[in-house]
C-alpha atoms as a PDB file:
ATOM      1  CA  ILE A   1     -20.941 -11.843 -13.506  1.00  0.00           C
ATOM      2  CA  PRO A   2     -24.808 -10.771 -13.404  1.00  0.00           C
ATOM      3  CA  ALA A   3     -23.919  -8.400 -16.647  1.00  0.00           C
ATOM      4  CA  LEU A   4     -22.735 -11.521 -18.239  1.00  0.00           C
ATOM      5  CA  ALA A   5     -25.711 -13.521 -17.301  1.00  0.00           C
ATOM      6  CA  PHE A   6     -28.077 -10.600 -18.633  1.00  0.00           C
ATOM      7  CA  LEU A   7     -26.155 -10.028 -22.100  1.00  0.00           C
ATOM      8  CA  PHE A   8     -26.006 -13.527 -23.070  1.00  0.00           C
ATOM      9  CA  ALA A   9     -29.514 -14.710 -21.381  1.00  0.00           C
ATOM     10  CA  LYS A  10     -31.864 -16.114 -24.228  1.00  0.00           C
ATOM     11  CA  SER A  11     -34.812 -13.673 -25.325  1.00  0.00           C
ATOM     12  CA  GLU A  12     -37.652 -14.341 -22.848  1.00  0.00           C
ATOM     13  CA  LYS A  13     -41.170 -15.460 -24.236  1.00  0.00           C
ATOM     14  CA  GLN A  14     -43.813 -12.947 -24.477  1.00  0.00           C
ATOM     15  CA  GLU A  15     -45.736 -14.914 -21.817  1.00  0.00           C
ATOM     16  CA  GLU A  16     -42.940 -14.711 -19.418  1.00  0.00           C
ATOM     17  CA  ASP A  17     -42.617 -10.895 -19.635  1.00  0.00           C
ATOM     18  CA  GLU A  18     -44.911  -9.942 -17.225  1.00  0.00           C
ATOM     19  CA  GLU A  19     -43.422 -12.232 -14.544  1.00  0.00           C
ATOM     20  CA  SER A  20     -40.195 -10.396 -14.927  1.00  0.00           C
ATOM     21  CA  GLU A  21     -41.592  -7.224 -15.098  1.00  0.00           C
ATOM     22  CA  GLN A  22     -43.176  -8.127 -11.560  1.00  0.00           C
ATOM     23  CA  ALA A  23     -39.800  -9.678 -10.642  1.00  0.00           C
ATOM     24  CA  ASN A  24     -37.891  -6.241 -11.654  1.00  0.00           C
ATOM     25  CA  ALA A  25     -40.727  -4.594  -9.667  1.00  0.00           C
ATOM     26  CA  SER A  26     -39.994  -6.446  -6.313  1.00  0.00           C
ATOM     27  CA  SER A  27     -36.312  -6.044  -6.512  1.00  0.00           C
ATOM     28  CA  PHE A  28     -36.545  -2.059  -7.139  1.00  0.00           C
ATOM     29  CA  PRO A  29     -36.874  -1.218  -3.503  1.00  0.00           C
ATOM     30  CA  PHE A  30     -33.386  -3.244  -2.551  1.00  0.00           C
ATOM     31  CA  VAL A  31     -31.850  -1.435  -5.740  1.00  0.00           C
ATOM     32  CA  PHE A  32     -32.809   1.974  -5.032  1.00  0.00           C
ATOM     33  CA  LEU A  33     -31.619   1.183  -1.228  1.00  0.00           C
ATOM     34  CA  LEU A  34     -28.139   0.207  -3.132  1.00  0.00           C
ATOM     35  CA  LEU A  35     -28.200   3.599  -4.934  1.00  0.00           C
ATOM     36  CA  THR A  36     -28.733   5.267  -2.151  1.00  0.00           C
ATOM     37  CA  LEU A  37     -26.290   3.671   0.390  1.00  0.00           C
ATOM     38  CA  GLY A  38     -23.796   4.469  -2.516  1.00  0.00           C
ATOM     39  CA  ALA A  39     -24.564   8.155  -2.837  1.00  0.00           C
ATOM     40  CA  ILE A  40     -24.207   8.762   1.070  1.00  0.00           C
ATOM     41  CA  LEU A  41     -20.858   6.953   0.662  1.00  0.00           C
ATOM     42  CA  VAL A  42     -19.915   9.510  -2.336  1.00  0.00           C
ATOM     43  CA  LEU A  43     -21.564  12.549  -0.679  1.00  0.00           C
ATOM     44  CA  ALA A  44     -20.458  12.034   2.728  1.00  0.00           C
ATOM     45  CA  PRO A  45     -16.759  13.218   2.259  1.00  0.00           C
ATOM     46  CA  GLU A  46     -17.729  16.479   0.979  1.00  0.00           C
ATOM     47  CA  PHE A  47     -18.950  17.014   4.338  1.00  0.00           C
ATOM     48  CA  VAL A  48     -17.218  14.837   7.082  1.00  0.00           C
ATOM     49  CA  TYR A  49     -13.321  13.715   6.125  1.00  0.00           C
ATOM     50  CA  LEU A  50     -10.207  13.280   8.232  1.00  0.00           C
ATOM     51  CA  ARG A  51      -7.448  15.765   7.399  1.00  0.00           C
ATOM     52  CA  ASP A  52      -4.666  14.932   5.603  1.00  0.00           C
ATOM     53  CA  GLN A  53      -1.266  15.844   3.543  1.00  0.00           C
ATOM     54  CA  PHE A  54      -3.170  15.308   0.201  1.00  0.00           C
ATOM     55  CA  GLY A  55      -5.454  18.108  -0.182  1.00  0.00           C
ATOM     56  CA  TYR A  56      -7.055  17.463   3.217  1.00  0.00           C
ATOM     57  CA  ARG A  57      -9.331  14.304   2.249  1.00  0.00           C
ATOM     58  CA  ILE A  58      -8.098  12.070  -0.338  1.00  0.00           C
ATOM     59  CA  ASN A  59      -7.990   9.272   2.059  1.00  0.00           C
ATOM     60  CA  THR A  60     -11.043   9.378   3.522  1.00  0.00           C
ATOM     61  CA  VAL A  61     -12.619   9.918  -0.281  1.00  0.00           C
ATOM     62  CA  PHE A  62     -10.814   6.855  -1.566  1.00  0.00           C
ATOM     63  CA  LYS A  63     -11.680   4.579   1.122  1.00  0.00           C
ATOM     64  CA  PHE A  64     -15.433   5.362   1.361  1.00  0.00           C
ATOM     65  CA  TYR A  65     -15.603   5.294  -2.659  1.00  0.00           C
ATOM     66  CA  TYR A  66     -14.309   1.853  -2.680  1.00  0.00           C
ATOM     67  CA  GLN A  67     -17.190   1.028  -1.063  1.00  0.00           C
ATOM     68  CA  ALA A  68     -19.680   3.014  -3.198  1.00  0.00           C
ATOM     69  CA  TRP A  69     -18.642   1.483  -6.145  1.00  0.00           C
ATOM     70  CA  ILE A  70     -19.070  -1.863  -5.121  1.00  0.00           C
ATOM     71  CA  LEU A  71     -23.024  -0.895  -4.315  1.00  0.00           C
ATOM     72  CA  TRP A  72     -23.171   1.072  -7.640  1.00  0.00           C
ATOM     73  CA  SER A  73     -21.881  -1.977  -9.625  1.00  0.00           C
ATOM     74  CA  LEU A  74     -24.551  -4.176  -8.490  1.00  0.00           C
ATOM     75  CA  VAL A  75     -27.036  -1.364  -9.374  1.00  0.00           C
ATOM     76  CA  ALA A  76     -25.458  -1.026 -12.937  1.00  0.00           C
ATOM     77  CA  ALA A  77     -25.530  -4.788 -13.542  1.00  0.00           C
ATOM     78  CA  PHE A  78     -29.293  -4.305 -12.796  1.00  0.00           C
ATOM     79  CA  GLY A  79     -29.957  -1.798 -14.604  1.00  0.00           C
ATOM     80  CA  VAL A  80     -28.254  -3.568 -17.982  1.00  0.00           C
ATOM     81  CA  GLY A  81     -30.224  -6.207 -17.493  1.00  0.00           C
ATOM     82  CA  TYR A  82     -33.143  -4.196 -16.882  1.00  0.00           C
ATOM     83  CA  VAL A  83     -32.716  -2.356 -19.868  1.00  0.00           C
ATOM     84  CA  LEU A  84     -31.847  -5.736 -22.575  1.00  0.00           C
ATOM     85  CA  GLN A  85     -35.199  -7.123 -21.286  1.00  0.00           C
ATOM     86  CA  ASN A  86     -37.256  -4.245 -22.281  1.00  0.00           C
ATOM     87  CA  MET A  87     -35.336  -3.851 -25.505  1.00  0.00           C
ATOM     88  CA  ARG A  88     -36.752  -5.171 -29.048  1.00  0.00           C
ATOM     89  CA  GLY A  89     -34.923  -5.995 -32.431  1.00  0.00           C
ATOM     90  CA  PHE A  90     -31.778  -4.537 -33.444  1.00  0.00           C
ATOM     91  CA  ALA A  91     -31.809  -2.038 -30.736  1.00  0.00           C
ATOM     92  CA  ASN A  92     -31.294  -4.885 -28.331  1.00  0.00           C
ATOM     93  CA  ILE A  93     -28.782  -6.681 -30.431  1.00  0.00           C
ATOM     94  CA  SER A  94     -26.664  -3.644 -30.665  1.00  0.00           C
ATOM     95  CA  THR A  95     -26.714  -2.826 -27.342  1.00  0.00           C
ATOM     96  CA  ARG A  96     -25.530  -6.733 -26.490  1.00  0.00           C
ATOM     97  CA  VAL A  97     -22.904  -6.211 -29.014  1.00  0.00           C
ATOM     98  CA  VAL A  98     -21.621  -2.714 -27.467  1.00  0.00           C
ATOM     99  CA  MET A  99     -21.925  -4.338 -24.059  1.00  0.00           C
ATOM    100  CA  GLY A 100     -19.847  -7.290 -24.842  1.00  0.00           C
ATOM    101  CA  LEU A 101     -17.119  -5.326 -26.297  1.00  0.00           C
ATOM    102  CA  VAL A 102     -16.948  -3.221 -22.977  1.00  0.00           C
ATOM    103  CA  ILE A 103     -17.061  -6.412 -20.847  1.00  0.00           C
ATOM    104  CA  PHE A 104     -14.137  -7.721 -23.208  1.00  0.00           C
ATOM    105  CA  CYS A 105     -12.029  -4.944 -22.797  1.00  0.00           C
ATOM    106  CA  GLY A 106     -12.496  -5.011 -19.078  1.00  0.00           C
ATOM    107  CA  LEU A 107     -11.628  -8.333 -19.131  1.00  0.00           C
ATOM    108  CA  LEU A 108      -8.440  -8.065 -20.960  1.00  0.00           C
ATOM    109  CA  TYR A 109      -6.450  -6.484 -17.814  1.00  0.00           C
ATOM    110  CA  PRO A 110      -6.966  -9.300 -15.388  1.00  0.00           C
ATOM    111  CA  VAL A 111      -5.855 -12.184 -17.873  1.00  0.00           C
ATOM    112  CA  LEU A 112      -2.735  -9.998 -19.646  1.00  0.00           C
ATOM    113  CA  GLY A 113      -1.730  -8.367 -16.030  1.00  0.00           C
ATOM    114  CA  LEU A 114      -1.616 -11.661 -14.261  1.00  0.00           C
ATOM    115  CA  MET A 115       0.673 -12.980 -17.210  1.00  0.00           C
ATOM    116  CA  THR A 116       2.902  -9.786 -17.050  1.00  0.00           C
ATOM    117  CA  LYS A 117       3.075  -9.788 -13.018  1.00  0.00           C
ATOM    118  CA  THR A 118       3.674 -13.827 -13.150  1.00  0.00           C
ATOM    119  CA  ASN A 119       5.969 -13.850 -15.891  1.00  0.00           C
ATOM    120  CA  ASN A 120       3.728 -16.138 -17.639  1.00  0.00           C
ATOM    121  CA  PHE A 121       3.410 -17.998 -14.278  1.00  0.00           C
ATOM    122  CA  ASN A 122       6.987 -18.264 -14.113  1.00  0.00           C
ATOM    123  CA  PRO A 123       8.374 -15.987 -11.700  1.00  0.00           C
ATOM    124  CA  VAL A 124      12.527 -15.957 -11.839  1.00  0.00           C
ATOM    125  CA  TYR A 125      12.646 -16.483  -7.910  1.00  0.00           C
ATOM    126  CA  GLY A 126       9.358 -18.857  -7.648  1.00  0.00           C
ATOM    127  CA  PHE A 127       6.268 -18.140  -5.934  1.00  0.00           C
ATOM    128  CA  ASP A 128       7.085 -16.655  -2.955  1.00  0.00           C
ATOM    129  CA  LEU A 129       5.516 -14.063  -0.293  1.00  0.00           C
ATOM    130  CA  ASN A 130       8.773 -13.617   1.845  1.00  0.00           C
ATOM    131  CA  ASP A 131       9.819 -10.313   0.760  1.00  0.00           C
ATOM    132  CA  PHE A 132      13.180 -10.714   3.255  1.00  0.00           C
ATOM    133  CA  ALA A 133      14.316 -13.316   0.145  1.00  0.00           C
ATOM    134  CA  ARG A 134      14.629 -10.713  -1.931  1.00  0.00           C
ATOM    135  CA  VAL A 135      16.739  -8.269   0.590  1.00  0.00           C
ATOM    136  CA  GLN A 136      18.948 -11.655   1.252  1.00  0.00           C
ATOM    137  CA  ARG A 137      19.613 -11.873  -2.616  1.00  0.00           C
ATOM    138  CA  GLU A 138      20.377  -8.362  -3.388  1.00  0.00           C
ATOM    139  CA  ASN A 139      21.751  -7.112   0.048  1.00  0.00           C
ATOM    140  CA  PRO A 140      23.169  -9.992   1.984  1.00  0.00           C
ATOM    141  CA  ASP A 141      25.161  -8.029   3.833  1.00  0.00           C
ATOM    142  CA  ASP A 142      22.216  -6.202   5.268  1.00  0.00           C
ATOM    143  CA  ALA A 143      20.121  -9.283   5.599  1.00  0.00           C
ATOM    144  CA  ALA A 144      22.746 -11.026   8.049  1.00  0.00           C
ATOM    145  CA  GLY A 145      22.856  -7.982  10.032  1.00  0.00           C
ATOM    146  CA  ILE A 146      19.201  -7.866  10.592  1.00  0.00           C
ATOM    147  CA  GLU A 147      19.173 -11.660  11.377  1.00  0.00           C
ATOM    148  CA  PHE A 148      21.675 -10.844  14.062  1.00  0.00           C
ATOM    149  CA  LEU A 149      19.494  -7.976  15.379  1.00  0.00           C
ATOM    150  CA  LEU A 150      16.891 -10.549  15.812  1.00  0.00           C
ATOM    151  CA  THR A 151      19.184 -12.471  18.203  1.00  0.00           C
ATOM    152  CA  GLN A 152      19.464  -9.379  20.146  1.00  0.00           C
ATOM    153  CA  PRO A 153      17.312  -7.820  22.769  1.00  0.00           C
ATOM    154  CA  GLU A 154      14.798  -5.235  21.413  1.00  0.00           C
ATOM    155  CA  GLY A 155      15.765  -1.752  21.392  1.00  0.00           C
ATOM    156  CA  VAL A 156      15.713   1.496  19.133  1.00  0.00           C
ATOM    157  CA  VAL A 157      17.686   1.190  15.952  1.00  0.00           C
ATOM    158  CA  ALA A 158      18.982   4.313  13.878  1.00  0.00           C
ATOM    159  CA  GLU A 159      19.312   3.796  10.535  1.00  0.00           C
ATOM    160  CA  ALA A 160      19.379   6.003   7.230  1.00  0.00           C
ATOM    161  CA  VAL A 161      15.896   8.333   6.546  1.00  0.00           C
ATOM    162  CA  GLY A 162      14.512   8.728   3.551  1.00  0.00           C
ATOM    163  CA  GLY A 163      11.634   8.422   1.126  1.00  0.00           C
ATOM    164  CA  SER A 164       8.700   6.623   0.713  1.00  0.00           C
ATOM    165  CA  TYR A 165       7.967   3.192  -0.899  1.00  0.00           C
ATOM    166  CA  SER A 166      11.723   2.616  -0.966  1.00  0.00           C
ATOM    167  CA  TYR A 167      14.601   0.541   0.820  1.00  0.00           C
ATOM    168  CA  TYR A 168      14.470   3.012   3.598  1.00  0.00           C
ATOM    169  CA  GLY A 169      13.509   1.787   6.827  1.00  0.00           C
ATOM    170  CA  ARG A 170      14.350  -1.568   6.049  1.00  0.00           C
ATOM    171  CA  VAL A 171      15.965  -2.572   9.772  1.00  0.00           C
ATOM    172  CA  SER A 172      12.975  -1.389  11.509  1.00  0.00           C
ATOM    173  CA  THR A 173      10.713  -3.180   8.784  1.00  0.00           C
ATOM    174  CA  TYR A 174      12.026  -6.710   9.346  1.00  0.00           C
ATOM    175  CA  THR A 175      13.199  -6.755  12.990  1.00  0.00           C
ATOM    176  CA  GLY A 176      10.199  -5.009  14.390  1.00  0.00           C
ATOM    177  CA  TYR A 177      12.223  -3.062  16.736  1.00  0.00           C
ATOM    178  CA  PRO A 178      11.584   0.769  16.735  1.00  0.00           C
ATOM    179  CA  THR A 179      13.384   3.428  14.749  1.00  0.00           C
ATOM    180  CA  VAL A 180      13.995   6.943  15.533  1.00  0.00           C
ATOM    181  CA  LEU A 181      12.239   7.834  12.098  1.00  0.00           C
ATOM    182  CA  GLY A 182      10.342   5.777   9.493  1.00  0.00           C
ATOM    183  CA  TRP A 183       8.918   7.342   6.024  1.00  0.00           C
ATOM    184  CA  PRO A 184       8.705  10.845   6.625  1.00  0.00           C
ATOM    185  CA  GLY A 185       6.085  11.644   4.220  1.00  0.00           C
ATOM    186  CA  HIS A 186       3.621   8.628   5.901  1.00  0.00           C
ATOM    187  CA  GLU A 187       4.693   9.616   9.292  1.00  0.00           C
ATOM    188  CA  ALA A 188       3.418  13.292   8.515  1.00  0.00           C
ATOM    189  CA  GLN A 189       0.471  11.677   6.891  1.00  0.00           C
ATOM    190  CA  TRP A 190      -0.795   9.968   9.750  1.00  0.00           C
ATOM    191  CA  ARG A 191       0.191  12.829  12.278  1.00  0.00           C
ATOM    192  CA  GLY A 192      -1.262  15.569  10.604  1.00  0.00           C
ATOM    193  CA  GLY A 193       1.886  17.154   9.999  1.00  0.00           C
ATOM    194  CA  TYR A 194       5.690  17.537  10.497  1.00  0.00           C
ATOM    195  CA  GLU A 195       5.591  18.841  13.669  1.00  0.00           C
ATOM    196  CA  LEU A 196       5.857  15.721  15.687  1.00  0.00           C
ATOM    197  CA  HIS A 197       9.166  14.692  13.597  1.00  0.00           C
ATOM    198  CA  GLY A 198      10.838  17.670  15.032  1.00  0.00           C
ATOM    199  CA  THR A 199      14.379  17.384  14.055  1.00  0.00           C
ATOM    200  CA  ARG A 200      14.641  13.822  13.668  1.00  0.00           C
ATOM    201  CA  GLN A 201      15.331  13.262  10.318  1.00  0.00           C
ATOM    202  CA  GLN A 202      18.237  16.050  10.872  1.00  0.00           C
ATOM    203  CA  ASP A 203      19.546  14.390  14.449  1.00  0.00           C
ATOM    204  CA  ILE A 204      19.798  11.120  12.519  1.00  0.00           C
ATOM    205  CA  ALA A 205      22.078  12.680   9.679  1.00  0.00           C
ATOM    206  CA  THR A 206      23.871  14.543  12.293  1.00  0.00           C
ATOM    207  CA  LEU A 207      24.135  11.188  14.044  1.00  0.00           C
ATOM    208  CA  TYR A 208      26.006   9.384  11.131  1.00  0.00           C
ATOM    209  CA  SER A 209      28.135  12.151  10.025  1.00  0.00           C
ATOM    210  CA  THR A 210      29.380  14.520  13.250  1.00  0.00           C
ATOM    211  CA  ALA A 211      33.064  13.751  13.956  1.00  0.00           C
ATOM    212  CA  ARG A 212      32.237  15.232  17.781  1.00  0.00           C
ATOM    213  CA  TRP A 213      31.270  12.230  19.972  1.00  0.00           C
ATOM    214  CA  ASP A 214      29.732  14.488  22.363  1.00  0.00           C
ATOM    215  CA  GLU A 215      27.089  15.444  19.847  1.00  0.00           C
ATOM    216  CA  ALA A 216      26.331  12.022  18.964  1.00  0.00           C
ATOM    217  CA  ARG A 217      26.179  10.948  22.317  1.00  0.00           C
ATOM    218  CA  THR A 218      23.500  13.188  22.995  1.00  0.00           C
ATOM    219  CA  ILE A 219      21.454  12.262  20.031  1.00  0.00           C
ATOM    220  CA  ILE A 220      21.864   8.548  21.065  1.00  0.00           C
ATOM    221  CA  ASP A 221      20.820   9.504  24.466  1.00  0.00           C
ATOM    222  CA  GLN A 222      17.818  11.909  23.423  1.00  0.00           C
ATOM    223  CA  TYR A 223      16.289   8.709  21.437  1.00  0.00           C
ATOM    224  CA  ASN A 224      17.296   6.191  23.759  1.00  0.00           C
ATOM    225  CA  ILE A 225      19.119   4.495  20.517  1.00  0.00           C
ATOM    226  CA  ARG A 226      20.704   1.320  21.438  1.00  0.00           C
ATOM    227  CA  TYR A 227      22.103  -0.186  18.153  1.00  0.00           C
ATOM    228  CA  ILE A 228      23.306   1.792  15.285  1.00  0.00           C
ATOM    229  CA  PHE A 229      23.018   0.123  11.634  1.00  0.00           C
ATOM    230  CA  ILE A 230      25.753   1.359   9.148  1.00  0.00           C
ATOM    231  CA  GLY A 231      25.531  -0.458   5.597  1.00  0.00           C
ATOM    232  CA  ASN A 232      25.673   0.888   2.156  1.00  0.00           C
ATOM    233  CA  LEU A 233      22.603   2.806   2.239  1.00  0.00           C
ATOM    234  CA  GLU A 234      23.475   4.803   5.271  1.00  0.00           C
ATOM    235  CA  ARG A 235      26.903   5.595   3.280  1.00  0.00           C
ATOM    236  CA  ALA A 236      25.040   6.501   0.425  1.00  0.00           C
ATOM    237  CA  THR A 237      22.555   8.654   2.224  1.00  0.00           C
ATOM    238  CA  THR A 238      25.204  10.564   4.473  1.00  0.00           C
ATOM    239  CA  ALA A 239      28.873  11.194   4.801  1.00  0.00           C
ATOM    240  CA  VAL A 240      29.209   9.070   7.406  1.00  0.00           C
ATOM    241  CA  ASN A 241      31.943   9.663  10.175  1.00  0.00           C
ATOM    242  CA  GLU A 242      32.604   6.039  11.554  1.00  0.00           C
ATOM    243  CA  GLU A 243      35.702   6.797  13.326  1.00  0.00           C
ATOM    244  CA  LYS A 244      33.948   8.268  16.527  1.00  0.00           C
ATOM    245  CA  PHE A 245      32.236   4.733  16.617  1.00  0.00           C
ATOM    246  CA  VAL A 246      35.193   3.098  16.776  1.00  0.00           C
ATOM    247  CA  LEU A 247      36.605   4.892  19.335  1.00  0.00           C
ATOM    248  CA  TYR A 248      33.667   4.929  21.866  1.00  0.00           C
ATOM    249  CA  LEU A 249      31.335   1.950  20.957  1.00  0.00           C
ATOM    250  CA  LYS A 250      31.449  -1.774  20.661  1.00  0.00           C
ATOM    251  CA  PRO A 251      30.888  -3.281  17.116  1.00  0.00           C
ATOM    252  CA  ILE A 252      28.698  -6.504  17.947  1.00  0.00           C
ATOM    253  CA  PHE A 253      28.075  -7.195  14.376  1.00  0.00           C
ATOM    254  CA  ARG A 254      30.691  -7.010  11.031  1.00  0.00           C
ATOM    255  CA  GLN A 255      30.269  -8.199   7.500  1.00  0.00           C
ATOM    256  CA  ASN A 256      31.541  -6.972   4.687  1.00  0.00           C
ATOM    257  CA  GLY A 257      30.442  -3.032   4.413  1.00  0.00           C
ATOM    258  CA  THR A 258      27.520  -3.667   6.901  1.00  0.00           C
ATOM    259  CA  VAL A 259      28.394  -3.247  10.928  1.00  0.00           C
ATOM    260  CA  ILE A 260      26.288  -2.422  13.723  1.00  0.00           C
ATOM    261  CA  TYR A 261      27.344  -0.698  17.014  1.00  0.00           C
ATOM    262  CA  ALA A 262      25.758  -1.390  20.366  1.00  0.00           C
ATOM    263  CA  ALA A 263      24.850   1.928  22.325  1.00  0.00           C
ATOM    264  CA  PRO A 264      25.757   1.503  26.185  1.00  0.00           C
END
C-alpha cells in the first residue's frame, strides 16, 4: 500500500521539496531501526537455533524470516518512495513504469489464486470450514465409527500409522483421543529424532497382522490401548488378521468395512 501510494503520487511542487526532505530525514531513525531489527532476525538463526530434522535449523529460520520480511517490506516501501521523490524527468517516469509492472505481477496471484481456490467463488461443497464433512462424504463408515467413539469414554486408540499430510491419524484427529503413534515424521521432528518412537510403528503393524493373541495382548497392555479401529485404511496398510480380535474381544461398532473392538 505505501509503495502504491508513492508510485501514483502526484509530482511535488518545488517549494514542497524541502518539507518532504525534512520529513524523510525525521523518518530515517525509525526506518533504520526496522532495518536493524530485520537484520538481527535474519542473522540470529545463523548462531542460535533449535535443531530439527530439516538440516538442523530450517524451522527456526523460516519462523524468524517471516518477521524479518514484514519489517524489511516497510523499509523497502519507504526506500521506493524516497527514490521516486528524488528522481526527475525520464528516470522518474521509467522507474514508476517498472515498479508498476512489478506490483501488477505481484497482485496477479492473490486475484487468480483466490478464484482458483474457491472455484470462482462457487465451491463444489459450499463454503465450509468443517473438514469432518469431507470425511463423511468420502469415508462414511470411518466417519460413523469416529462419531460413535465420541459417545464412548476416552481411551488410547490403535489405528494405522503412515505418512504426514495424509489420512493417517484420522481417528485421533477427529476424536481428540490419544493414539499410539501419529505421523512418524512430525513426531520425530518435534522430539529430536526417532529414538522416542521406539518400536511403536512396528508394534501397531504387529498388533493388526499377528495371528497370535498373546502377542497382540502384550502390545495392548504395553500401550494401554482401549479401542482398536479397523477400517479400509488399516486393511490397505497392513495385512490385518482379524480372527484373534473376533475370538477374544468384543466388537462395539460395525458398519460395512469399519469395525471397532474394545479391549478389556
